[in-house]
Amino acid sequence: MFKLLKRYETLVIQVLMGMMAIVLTLATIDLGWIIIKDLKKPPFLILSVDQLLELFGLFMLVVIGLELLETIMKTYITRDMPHYEVVLAVAIIAISRKIIVLDIKEVDGLTILGIAAIVLALTAGFYMMKKSQQN
């Protein structure tokens, strides 16, 4: 029964990886299309700060998707990496994306402190996890 469940899990993971690859391909095409469209608008070949922030956000979204795909492959297919390591790695990347596209003018100080606390907690957790694996 356990072998059957393991095979089923592998099949589901492979299907998810295929779907993730399709989504990443579409997101990359969409990102390229938006870049071309923005560069064609007057003033030509010049992007505004808002356009740059939108592009950086989309770019980071694709990078997060790639990282998620890679960690899924490492965790379930290549080696038995602990699941909490995957969750922490993806969470750190996702919060980094949030920080990169954050508009400081529209966010209050308490929100910034909250994001800083999340970053500290995630990095401390990741550090402690890696430290415990070394021992």
Protein backbone atom coordinates (compact mmCIF):
# COMPACT_ATOMS: atom_id res chain seq x y z
CA MET A 1 0.00 0.00 0.00
CA PHE A 2 2.84 2.38 0.88
CA LYS A 3 4.55 1.75 -2.49
CA LEU A 4 1.30 2.53 -4.30
CA LEU A 5 0.91 5.80 -2.41
CA LYS A 6 4.54 6.70 -3.14
CA ARG A 7 4.00 6.08 -6.87
CA TYR A 8 0.82 8.16 -6.78
CA GLU A 9 2.67 10.97 -5.03
CA THR A 10 5.43 10.84 -7.67
CA LEU A 11 2.86 10.96 -10.47
CA VAL A 12 1.07 13.95 -8.93
CA ILE A 13 4.38 15.78 -8.42
CA GLN A 14 5.39 15.16 -12.04
CA VAL A 15 2.03 16.46 -13.28
CA LEU A 16 2.39 19.53 -11.04
CA MET A 17 5.91 20.12 -12.34
CA GLY A 18 4.64 19.94 -15.92
CA MET A 19 1.85 22.40 -15.18
CA MET A 20 4.32 24.69 -13.36
CA ALA A 21 6.62 24.61 -16.40
CA ILE A 22 3.70 25.61 -18.64
CA VAL A 23 2.72 28.45 -16.31
CA LEU A 24 6.33 29.67 -16.14
CA THR A 25 6.59 29.62 -19.92
CA LEU A 26 3.39 31.64 -20.24
CA ALA A 27 4.51 34.08 -17.54
CA THR A 28 7.85 34.58 -19.30
CA ILE A 29 6.11 35.21 -22.63
CA ASP A 30 3.74 37.65 -20.88
CA LEU A 31 6.69 39.45 -19.28
CA GLY A 32 8.41 39.76 -22.67
CA TRP A 33 5.21 41.04 -24.25
CA ILE A 34 4.78 43.68 -21.54
CA ILE A 35 8.40 44.83 -21.95
CA ILE A 36 7.99 45.18 -25.73
CA LYS A 37 4.63 46.93 -25.33
CA ASP A 38 6.01 49.38 -22.74
CA LEU A 39 9.08 50.18 -24.82
CA LYS A 40 6.94 50.93 -27.90
CA LYS A 41 4.84 53.55 -26.07
CA PRO A 42 5.97 57.16 -26.28
CA PRO A 43 8.49 58.18 -25.04
CA PHE A 44 10.11 55.32 -26.92
CA LEU A 45 12.65 53.06 -25.18
CA ILE A 46 12.07 54.82 -21.84
CA LEU A 47 10.27 53.23 -18.91
CA SER A 48 8.66 55.09 -16.03
CA VAL A 49 9.28 54.14 -12.42
CA ASP A 50 5.81 52.56 -12.21
CA GLN A 51 6.50 50.47 -15.31
CA LEU A 52 9.87 49.39 -13.89
CA LEU A 53 8.28 48.37 -10.59
CA GLU A 54 5.62 46.38 -12.45
CA LEU A 55 8.31 44.67 -14.55
CA PHE A 56 10.45 43.89 -11.51
CA GLY A 57 7.41 42.40 -9.78
CA LEU A 58 6.63 40.18 -12.77
CA PHE A 59 10.28 39.23 -13.13
CA MET A 60 10.47 38.24 -9.45
CA LEU A 61 7.26 36.26 -9.85
CA VAL A 62 8.89 34.22 -12.62
CA VAL A 63 12.02 33.77 -10.48
CA ILE A 64 9.89 32.57 -7.55
CA GLY A 65 8.16 30.12 -9.88
CA LEU A 66 11.51 28.80 -11.10
CA GLU A 67 12.74 28.44 -7.53
CA LEU A 68 9.57 26.64 -6.56
CA LEU A 69 9.92 24.28 -9.53
CA GLU A 70 13.56 23.60 -8.65
CA THR A 71 12.83 22.97 -4.99
CA ILE A 72 9.96 20.64 -5.87
CA MET A 73 12.33 18.69 -8.12
CA LYS A 74 14.99 18.53 -5.42
CA THR A 75 12.57 17.61 -2.70
CA TYR A 76 10.45 14.97 -4.34
CA ILE A 77 12.42 13.67 -7.28
CA THR A 78 16.18 14.08 -6.87
CA ARG A 79 16.79 13.82 -3.14
CA ASP A 80 14.70 13.65 -0.02
CA MET A 81 15.15 17.23 1.12
CA PRO A 82 13.10 18.07 4.24
CA HIS A 83 9.78 19.72 3.35
CA TYR A 84 10.24 22.55 5.85
CA GLU A 85 13.42 23.59 4.06
CA VAL A 86 11.43 24.04 0.85
CA VAL A 87 8.77 26.06 2.62
CA LEU A 88 11.34 28.35 4.25
CA ALA A 89 13.31 28.86 1.03
CA VAL A 90 10.23 29.76 -0.99
CA ALA A 91 8.91 32.00 1.79
CA ILE A 92 12.20 33.92 1.92
CA ILE A 93 12.11 34.42 -1.85
CA ALA A 94 8.46 35.50 -1.77
CA ILE A 95 8.99 38.05 1.00
CA SER A 96 12.03 39.34 -0.89
CA ARG A 97 9.81 39.91 -3.91
CA LYS A 98 7.37 41.81 -1.72
CA ILE A 99 10.18 44.01 -0.43
CA ILE A 100 11.52 44.72 -3.92
CA VAL A 101 8.18 45.90 -5.31
CA LEU A 102 7.06 47.64 -2.11
CA ASP A 103 6.08 51.29 -2.56
CA ILE A 104 7.51 52.90 0.57
CA LYS A 105 5.38 56.04 0.10
CA GLU A 106 2.13 54.08 0.50
CA VAL A 107 3.11 51.85 3.43
CA ASP A 108 3.04 52.86 7.07
CA GLY A 109 5.89 52.23 9.49
CA LEU A 110 4.13 49.43 11.34
CA THR A 111 3.80 47.41 8.13
CA ILE A 112 7.49 47.89 7.40
CA LEU A 113 8.35 46.70 10.92
CA GLY A 114 6.11 43.68 10.40
CA ILE A 115 7.84 42.79 7.14
CA ALA A 116 11.22 43.21 8.83
CA ALA A 117 10.10 40.86 11.62
CA ILE A 118 9.00 38.28 9.05
CA VAL A 119 12.36 38.50 7.27
CA LEU A 120 14.26 38.12 10.55
CA ALA A 121 12.11 35.18 11.65
CA LEU A 122 12.46 33.37 8.32
CA THR A 123 16.21 33.88 8.07
CA ALA A 124 16.73 32.89 11.71
CA GLY A 125 14.64 29.77 11.14
CA PHE A 126 16.55 28.92 7.98
CA TYR A 127 19.89 29.46 9.76
CA MET A 128 18.87 27.27 12.71
CA MET A 129 17.59 24.57 10.37
CA LYS A 130 20.88 24.50 8.44
CA LYS A 131 22.88 24.58 11.67
CA SER A 132 20.95 21.61 13.08
CA GLN A 133 21.53 19.62 9.87
CA GLN A 134 25.31 20.11 10.20
CA ASN A 135 25.42 18.53 13.65
